[in-house]
Amino acid sequence: MQDVTHKGVTVVSHPLVQHKLTLMRDKSRSTKGFRQLLNEIGMLLAYEVTRDLPTELVEIETPLTTTMAPMIAGKKLVLAPILRAGVGFLDGMLSLVPSARVAHIGLYRDPDTLTAVEYYFKAPSDIADRLVIVVDPMLATANSAVAAIDRLKERGAKDIRFVCLLAAPEGIARLTAAHPEVRVWTAAIDDHLNDHGYIVPGLGDAGDRMYGTR
C-alpha cells in the first residue's frame, strides 16, 4: 500500500518497511543491525520506485513452448547514491536490480553553513538516456539532494527520481521547489528539523550509525 501525502511524494507504508524503520529508529540498535536493516529497506523501496518501469514483450522458449513474455524495456537504470550514507541502500537495491549502472556523488555537509560540498562525482557517460534514481537515507535540509540533482542535470540526466528513508517537511519543500519534476519516495515524513539540521524524531546521523563512527 502507498499513501501520497505531498504532491510528488510517495510514502511507502508497507508494514515491512514501517516495521524495519521502527527498528532502525531505536538508539540501541547495533551498527550491524542498522546496516542490515538499511540494506533490507533499500530493496523494498527499490521495488516501489521501479513499479512503473516500461516493459516490452519478447519471445522466449519455456520448457513446454514458445511464448511472448514481458521484460523491462529500454536502457538499464542508474542508481546514484550520495556518499557516504547513500551507499547503505545500494546493495539492497542492486540485489533487486543487479544489472543497474551506478553513479557515485560525493558530498558532505559543512557543519557551520549546512551547505553541500562536492568532493567526488562519477557517472555513466550516457546518463541522459537512462532513468536515474538518486539515493540518500535522509532528506533533511535537502542541500545535498538539490546539489546532487543539479550535478546530474549538468551531465545531461533528464529522468530523475529520489529515494530516501526519512524526509522532513522542510527538505521536501526545498527539493520540490528546486526540482519540481523529481518525484520522491520515502518511508516516512517526520515532524521537523532541529537547529542543527537533523530530522526529528528521526534516527540520528544515518552515516555514523551505519559505519559506527558516532
C-alpha atoms as a PDB file:
ATOM      1  CA  MET A   1       0.000   0.000   0.000  1.00  0.00           C
ATOM      2  CA  GLN A   2       1.196   3.513  -0.763  1.00  0.00           C
ATOM      3  CA  ASP A   3      -0.017   6.828   0.545  1.00  0.00           C
ATOM      4  CA  VAL A   4       0.674  10.039  -1.377  1.00  0.00           C
ATOM      5  CA  THR A   5       0.672  12.806   1.249  1.00  0.00           C
ATOM      6  CA  HIS A   6       2.507  15.599  -0.560  1.00  0.00           C
ATOM      7  CA  LYS A   7       2.378  16.400  -4.234  1.00  0.00           C
ATOM      8  CA  GLY A   8       5.081  14.385  -5.945  1.00  0.00           C
ATOM      9  CA  VAL A   9       5.938  12.465  -2.756  1.00  0.00           C
ATOM     10  CA  THR A  10       5.044   8.824  -2.113  1.00  0.00           C
ATOM     11  CA  VAL A  11       5.208   7.472   1.430  1.00  0.00           C
ATOM     12  CA  VAL A  12       5.726   3.722   1.251  1.00  0.00           C
ATOM     13  CA  SER A  13       3.536   2.472   4.090  1.00  0.00           C
ATOM     14  CA  HIS A  14       4.094  -1.250   3.573  1.00  0.00           C
ATOM     15  CA  PRO A  15       4.114  -2.962   7.014  1.00  0.00           C
ATOM     16  CA  LEU A  16       7.561  -4.481   6.458  1.00  0.00           C
ATOM     17  CA  VAL A  17       9.034  -1.078   5.621  1.00  0.00           C
ATOM     18  CA  GLN A  18       7.430   0.574   8.649  1.00  0.00           C
ATOM     19  CA  HIS A  19       8.461  -2.258  10.990  1.00  0.00           C
ATOM     20  CA  LYS A  20      12.085  -2.126   9.863  1.00  0.00           C
ATOM     21  CA  LEU A  21      12.120   1.669  10.095  1.00  0.00           C
ATOM     22  CA  THR A  22      10.950   1.484  13.711  1.00  0.00           C
ATOM     23  CA  LEU A  23      13.768  -0.953  14.496  1.00  0.00           C
ATOM     24  CA  MET A  24      16.249   1.476  12.927  1.00  0.00           C
ATOM     25  CA  ARG A  25      14.976   4.429  14.942  1.00  0.00           C
ATOM     26  CA  ASP A  26      15.813   2.628  18.213  1.00  0.00           C
ATOM     27  CA  LYS A  27      19.043   4.162  19.516  1.00  0.00           C
ATOM     28  CA  SER A  28      20.125   0.806  20.976  1.00  0.00           C
ATOM     29  CA  ARG A  29      20.258  -0.852  17.535  1.00  0.00           C
ATOM     30  CA  SER A  30      23.760  -2.135  16.812  1.00  0.00           C
ATOM     31  CA  THR A  31      25.835  -0.908  13.873  1.00  0.00           C
ATOM     32  CA  LYS A  32      25.481  -4.336  12.263  1.00  0.00           C
ATOM     33  CA  GLY A  33      21.718  -4.359  12.801  1.00  0.00           C
ATOM     34  CA  PHE A  34      21.286  -0.817  11.495  1.00  0.00           C
ATOM     35  CA  ARG A  35      23.307  -1.581   8.377  1.00  0.00           C
ATOM     36  CA  GLN A  36      21.391  -4.793   7.689  1.00  0.00           C
ATOM     37  CA  LEU A  37      18.028  -3.087   8.102  1.00  0.00           C
ATOM     38  CA  LEU A  38      19.041  -0.240   5.795  1.00  0.00           C
ATOM     39  CA  ASN A  39      20.025  -2.813   3.195  1.00  0.00           C
ATOM     40  CA  GLU A  40      16.665  -4.580   3.526  1.00  0.00           C
ATOM     41  CA  ILE A  41      14.643  -1.364   3.337  1.00  0.00           C
ATOM     42  CA  GLY A  42      16.677  -0.339   0.307  1.00  0.00           C
ATOM     43  CA  MET A  43      15.461  -3.431  -1.504  1.00  0.00           C
ATOM     44  CA  LEU A  44      11.839  -2.783  -0.538  1.00  0.00           C
ATOM     45  CA  LEU A  45      11.978   0.878  -1.604  1.00  0.00           C
ATOM     46  CA  ALA A  46      13.634  -0.110  -4.893  1.00  0.00           C
ATOM     47  CA  TYR A  47      10.635  -2.366  -5.547  1.00  0.00           C
ATOM     48  CA  GLU A  48       8.297   0.608  -5.117  1.00  0.00           C
ATOM     49  CA  VAL A  49      10.265   3.228  -7.066  1.00  0.00           C
ATOM     50  CA  THR A  50      10.562   0.875 -10.068  1.00  0.00           C
ATOM     51  CA  ARG A  51       6.894  -0.167 -10.022  1.00  0.00           C
ATOM     52  CA  ASP A  52       6.059   1.685 -13.257  1.00  0.00           C
ATOM     53  CA  LEU A  53       9.117   0.821 -15.359  1.00  0.00           C
ATOM     54  CA  PRO A  54       8.122   0.247 -19.013  1.00  0.00           C
ATOM     55  CA  THR A  55       8.094  -3.305 -20.324  1.00  0.00           C
ATOM     56  CA  GLU A  56       8.033  -4.916 -23.739  1.00  0.00           C
ATOM     57  CA  LEU A  57       7.050  -8.386 -24.925  1.00  0.00           C
ATOM     58  CA  VAL A  58       9.859 -10.654 -26.075  1.00  0.00           C
ATOM     59  CA  GLU A  59       9.779 -14.158 -27.446  1.00  0.00           C
ATOM     60  CA  ILE A  60      11.223 -16.867 -25.190  1.00  0.00           C
ATOM     61  CA  GLU A  61      11.269 -20.651 -25.034  1.00  0.00           C
ATOM     62  CA  THR A  62       9.824 -22.226 -21.912  1.00  0.00           C
ATOM     63  CA  PRO A  63      10.358 -25.959 -21.261  1.00  0.00           C
ATOM     64  CA  LEU A  64       6.981 -26.505 -22.935  1.00  0.00           C
ATOM     65  CA  THR A  65       6.527 -23.970 -25.709  1.00  0.00           C
ATOM     66  CA  THR A  66       7.389 -20.631 -27.304  1.00  0.00           C
ATOM     67  CA  THR A  67       5.653 -17.652 -25.736  1.00  0.00           C
ATOM     68  CA  MET A  68       5.701 -13.873 -25.517  1.00  0.00           C
ATOM     69  CA  ALA A  69       6.590 -12.539 -22.064  1.00  0.00           C
ATOM     70  CA  PRO A  70       7.287  -9.077 -20.610  1.00  0.00           C
ATOM     71  CA  MET A  71      10.779  -7.747 -19.914  1.00  0.00           C
ATOM     72  CA  ILE A  72      11.925  -4.286 -18.838  1.00  0.00           C
ATOM     73  CA  ALA A  73      12.303  -2.071 -21.894  1.00  0.00           C
ATOM     74  CA  GLY A  74      14.973   0.488 -22.694  1.00  0.00           C
ATOM     75  CA  LYS A  75      18.417   1.048 -21.221  1.00  0.00           C
ATOM     76  CA  LYS A  76      19.242  -0.124 -17.721  1.00  0.00           C
ATOM     77  CA  LEU A  77      18.618   2.359 -14.927  1.00  0.00           C
ATOM     78  CA  VAL A  78      21.276   4.179 -12.898  1.00  0.00           C
ATOM     79  CA  LEU A  79      21.421   4.110  -9.107  1.00  0.00           C
ATOM     80  CA  ALA A  80      23.119   7.251  -7.775  1.00  0.00           C
ATOM     81  CA  PRO A  81      23.920   7.064  -4.058  1.00  0.00           C
ATOM     82  CA  ILE A  82      25.038  10.244  -2.324  1.00  0.00           C
ATOM     83  CA  LEU A  83      28.201   9.315  -0.408  1.00  0.00           C
ATOM     84  CA  ARG A  84      28.607   8.191   2.181  1.00  0.00           C
ATOM     85  CA  ALA A  85      25.286   7.166   3.721  1.00  0.00           C
ATOM     86  CA  GLY A  86      23.581   6.524   0.383  1.00  0.00           C
ATOM     87  CA  VAL A  87      25.826   3.503  -0.151  1.00  0.00           C
ATOM     88  CA  GLY A  88      23.889   1.751   2.618  1.00  0.00           C
ATOM     89  CA  PHE A  89      20.916   1.499   0.261  1.00  0.00           C
ATOM     90  CA  LEU A  90      22.960   0.333  -2.692  1.00  0.00           C
ATOM     91  CA  ASP A  91      23.475  -3.394  -2.044  1.00  0.00           C
ATOM     92  CA  GLY A  92      19.799  -3.966  -1.306  1.00  0.00           C
ATOM     93  CA  MET A  93      18.764  -2.151  -4.477  1.00  0.00           C
ATOM     94  CA  LEU A  94      21.377  -3.936  -6.600  1.00  0.00           C
ATOM     95  CA  SER A  95      20.204  -7.302  -5.302  1.00  0.00           C
ATOM     96  CA  LEU A  96      16.816  -6.460  -6.811  1.00  0.00           C
ATOM     97  CA  VAL A  97      18.165  -4.794  -9.968  1.00  0.00           C
ATOM     98  CA  PRO A  98      21.638  -6.348 -10.400  1.00  0.00           C
ATOM     99  CA  SER A  99      22.120  -5.016 -13.927  1.00  0.00           C
ATOM    100  CA  ALA A 100      21.730  -1.358 -12.912  1.00  0.00           C
ATOM    101  CA  ARG A 101      24.594   1.060 -13.525  1.00  0.00           C
ATOM    102  CA  VAL A 102      25.936   3.025 -10.543  1.00  0.00           C
ATOM    103  CA  ALA A 103      26.870   6.695 -10.314  1.00  0.00           C
ATOM    104  CA  HIS A 104      28.654   7.998  -7.208  1.00  0.00           C
ATOM    105  CA  ILE A 105      28.122  11.507  -5.871  1.00  0.00           C
ATOM    106  CA  GLY A 106      30.427  12.537  -3.039  1.00  0.00           C
ATOM    107  CA  LEU A 107      29.007  15.350  -0.910  1.00  0.00           C
ATOM    108  CA  TYR A 108      29.482  16.363   2.702  1.00  0.00           C
ATOM    109  CA  ARG A 109      27.551  18.853   4.766  1.00  0.00           C
ATOM    110  CA  ASP A 110      29.527  21.826   6.018  1.00  0.00           C
ATOM    111  CA  PRO A 111      28.895  21.794   9.787  1.00  0.00           C
ATOM    112  CA  ASP A 112      28.651  25.567  10.023  1.00  0.00           C
ATOM    113  CA  THR A 113      26.641  26.537   6.942  1.00  0.00           C
ATOM    114  CA  LEU A 114      24.922  23.148   6.331  1.00  0.00           C
ATOM    115  CA  THR A 115      25.628  23.627   2.609  1.00  0.00           C
ATOM    116  CA  ALA A 116      26.670  20.670   0.464  1.00  0.00           C
ATOM    117  CA  VAL A 117      30.319  20.484  -0.624  1.00  0.00           C
ATOM    118  CA  GLU A 118      31.189  18.168  -3.532  1.00  0.00           C
ATOM    119  CA  TYR A 119      34.354  16.061  -3.387  1.00  0.00           C
ATOM    120  CA  TYR A 120      33.655  13.299  -5.939  1.00  0.00           C
ATOM    121  CA  PHE A 121      31.444  12.632  -8.966  1.00  0.00           C
ATOM    122  CA  LYS A 122      31.440   9.693 -11.385  1.00  0.00           C
ATOM    123  CA  ALA A 123      28.549   8.671 -13.638  1.00  0.00           C
ATOM    124  CA  PRO A 124      27.888   6.691 -16.846  1.00  0.00           C
ATOM    125  CA  SER A 125      28.580   8.731 -19.973  1.00  0.00           C
ATOM    126  CA  ASP A 126      25.125   8.023 -21.437  1.00  0.00           C
ATOM    127  CA  ILE A 127      23.228   9.036 -18.317  1.00  0.00           C
ATOM    128  CA  ALA A 128      20.911  11.229 -20.407  1.00  0.00           C
ATOM    129  CA  ASP A 129      19.334   8.082 -21.853  1.00  0.00           C
ATOM    130  CA  ARG A 130      18.646   6.388 -18.524  1.00  0.00           C
ATOM    131  CA  LEU A 131      16.329   6.654 -15.537  1.00  0.00           C
ATOM    132  CA  VAL A 132      18.429   7.884 -12.593  1.00  0.00           C
ATOM    133  CA  ILE A 133      17.435   7.037  -9.033  1.00  0.00           C
ATOM    134  CA  VAL A 134      19.212   9.266  -6.504  1.00  0.00           C
ATOM    135  CA  VAL A 135      19.592   7.573  -3.126  1.00  0.00           C
ATOM    136  CA  ASP A 136      20.211   9.115   0.297  1.00  0.00           C
ATOM    137  CA  PRO A 137      18.762   7.900   3.620  1.00  0.00           C
ATOM    138  CA  MET A 138      17.861  11.361   4.932  1.00  0.00           C
ATOM    139  CA  LEU A 139      16.125  14.249   3.176  1.00  0.00           C
ATOM    140  CA  ALA A 140      16.728  16.884   5.847  1.00  0.00           C
ATOM    141  CA  THR A 141      17.702  20.349   4.599  1.00  0.00           C
ATOM    142  CA  ALA A 142      17.773  18.902   1.047  1.00  0.00           C
ATOM    143  CA  ASN A 143      21.014  20.782   0.358  1.00  0.00           C
ATOM    144  CA  SER A 144      22.795  17.561  -0.653  1.00  0.00           C
ATOM    145  CA  ALA A 145      19.826  16.286  -2.674  1.00  0.00           C
ATOM    146  CA  VAL A 146      19.484  19.535  -4.613  1.00  0.00           C
ATOM    147  CA  ALA A 147      23.240  19.717  -5.242  1.00  0.00           C
ATOM    148  CA  ALA A 148      23.338  16.091  -6.435  1.00  0.00           C
ATOM    149  CA  ILE A 149      20.423  16.573  -8.816  1.00  0.00           C
ATOM    150  CA  ASP A 150      21.918  19.836 -10.088  1.00  0.00           C
ATOM    151  CA  ARG A 151      25.127  17.949 -10.899  1.00  0.00           C
ATOM    152  CA  LEU A 152      23.303  15.085 -12.603  1.00  0.00           C
ATOM    153  CA  LYS A 153      21.351  17.527 -14.756  1.00  0.00           C
ATOM    154  CA  GLU A 154      24.609  19.228 -15.740  1.00  0.00           C
ATOM    155  CA  ARG A 155      25.739  15.840 -17.039  1.00  0.00           C
ATOM    156  CA  GLY A 156      22.517  15.508 -19.051  1.00  0.00           C
ATOM    157  CA  ALA A 157      20.220  13.445 -16.805  1.00  0.00           C
ATOM    158  CA  LYS A 158      16.575  14.107 -17.631  1.00  0.00           C
ATOM    159  CA  ASP A 159      14.566  11.398 -15.860  1.00  0.00           C
ATOM    160  CA  ILE A 160      15.406  11.555 -12.146  1.00  0.00           C
ATOM    161  CA  ARG A 161      13.754  10.120  -9.035  1.00  0.00           C
ATOM    162  CA  PHE A 162      14.777  10.465  -5.391  1.00  0.00           C
ATOM    163  CA  VAL A 163      14.558   7.764  -2.722  1.00  0.00           C
ATOM    164  CA  CYS A 164      15.138   8.282   0.982  1.00  0.00           C
ATOM    165  CA  LEU A 165      14.397   6.582   4.271  1.00  0.00           C
ATOM    166  CA  LEU A 166      13.193   9.682   6.132  1.00  0.00           C
ATOM    167  CA  ALA A 167      12.140  13.145   4.982  1.00  0.00           C
ATOM    168  CA  ALA A 168      11.497  16.402   6.786  1.00  0.00           C
ATOM    169  CA  PRO A 169       8.781  18.791   5.560  1.00  0.00           C
ATOM    170  CA  GLU A 170      11.463  21.468   5.101  1.00  0.00           C
ATOM    171  CA  GLY A 171      13.521  19.165   2.896  1.00  0.00           C
ATOM    172  CA  ILE A 172      10.546  18.192   0.774  1.00  0.00           C
ATOM    173  CA  ALA A 173       9.640  21.856   0.266  1.00  0.00           C
ATOM    174  CA  ARG A 174      13.206  22.763  -0.751  1.00  0.00           C
ATOM    175  CA  LEU A 175      13.662  19.828  -3.125  1.00  0.00           C
ATOM    176  CA  THR A 176      10.297  20.206  -4.842  1.00  0.00           C
ATOM    177  CA  ALA A 177      10.849  23.951  -5.239  1.00  0.00           C
ATOM    178  CA  ALA A 178      14.270  23.424  -6.835  1.00  0.00           C
ATOM    179  CA  HIS A 179      13.326  20.371  -8.922  1.00  0.00           C
ATOM    180  CA  PRO A 180       9.527  20.110  -9.118  1.00  0.00           C
ATOM    181  CA  GLU A 181       9.603  17.308 -11.703  1.00  0.00           C
ATOM    182  CA  VAL A 182      11.651  14.973  -9.462  1.00  0.00           C
ATOM    183  CA  ARG A 183       9.345  12.559  -7.646  1.00  0.00           C
ATOM    184  CA  VAL A 184      10.241  11.420  -4.131  1.00  0.00           C
ATOM    185  CA  TRP A 185       9.775   8.058  -2.417  1.00  0.00           C
ATOM    186  CA  THR A 186      10.249   7.814   1.360  1.00  0.00           C
ATOM    187  CA  ALA A 187       9.355   5.517   4.245  1.00  0.00           C
ATOM    188  CA  ALA A 188       8.194   8.415   6.452  1.00  0.00           C
ATOM    189  CA  ILE A 189       7.787  12.166   6.681  1.00  0.00           C
ATOM    190  CA  ASP A 190       8.854  13.247  10.149  1.00  0.00           C
ATOM    191  CA  ASP A 191       7.921  16.330  12.141  1.00  0.00           C
ATOM    192  CA  HIS A 192      10.634  18.961  11.650  1.00  0.00           C
ATOM    193  CA  LEU A 193      14.343  19.825  11.580  1.00  0.00           C
ATOM    194  CA  ASN A 194      16.157  20.905  14.734  1.00  0.00           C
ATOM    195  CA  ASP A 195      18.636  23.779  14.942  1.00  0.00           C
ATOM    196  CA  HIS A 196      21.452  21.509  13.722  1.00  0.00           C
ATOM    197  CA  GLY A 197      19.577  20.361  10.624  1.00  0.00           C
ATOM    198  CA  TYR A 198      18.705  16.904  11.965  1.00  0.00           C
ATOM    199  CA  ILE A 199      15.317  15.290  11.374  1.00  0.00           C
ATOM    200  CA  VAL A 200      13.109  14.981  14.489  1.00  0.00           C
ATOM    201  CA  PRO A 201      12.168  12.411  15.766  1.00  0.00           C
ATOM    202  CA  GLY A 202      14.431  10.879  13.110  1.00  0.00           C
ATOM    203  CA  LEU A 203      17.089   8.277  13.824  1.00  0.00           C
ATOM    204  CA  GLY A 204      20.244  10.336  14.232  1.00  0.00           C
ATOM    205  CA  ASP A 205      23.039  10.524  11.684  1.00  0.00           C
ATOM    206  CA  ALA A 206      22.497   7.610   9.289  1.00  0.00           C
ATOM    207  CA  GLY A 207      26.139   7.567   8.132  1.00  0.00           C
ATOM    208  CA  ASP A 208      27.520   7.489  11.680  1.00  0.00           C
ATOM    209  CA  ARG A 209      25.109   4.760  12.748  1.00  0.00           C
ATOM    210  CA  MET A 210      25.812   2.671   9.639  1.00  0.00           C
ATOM    211  CA  TYR A 211      29.594   2.864   9.914  1.00  0.00           C
ATOM    212  CA  GLY A 212      29.954   3.026  13.691  1.00  0.00           C
ATOM    213  CA  THR A 213      31.537   6.482  13.711  1.00  0.00           C
ATOM    214  CA  ARG A 214      29.297   8.058  16.313  1.00  0.00           C
END
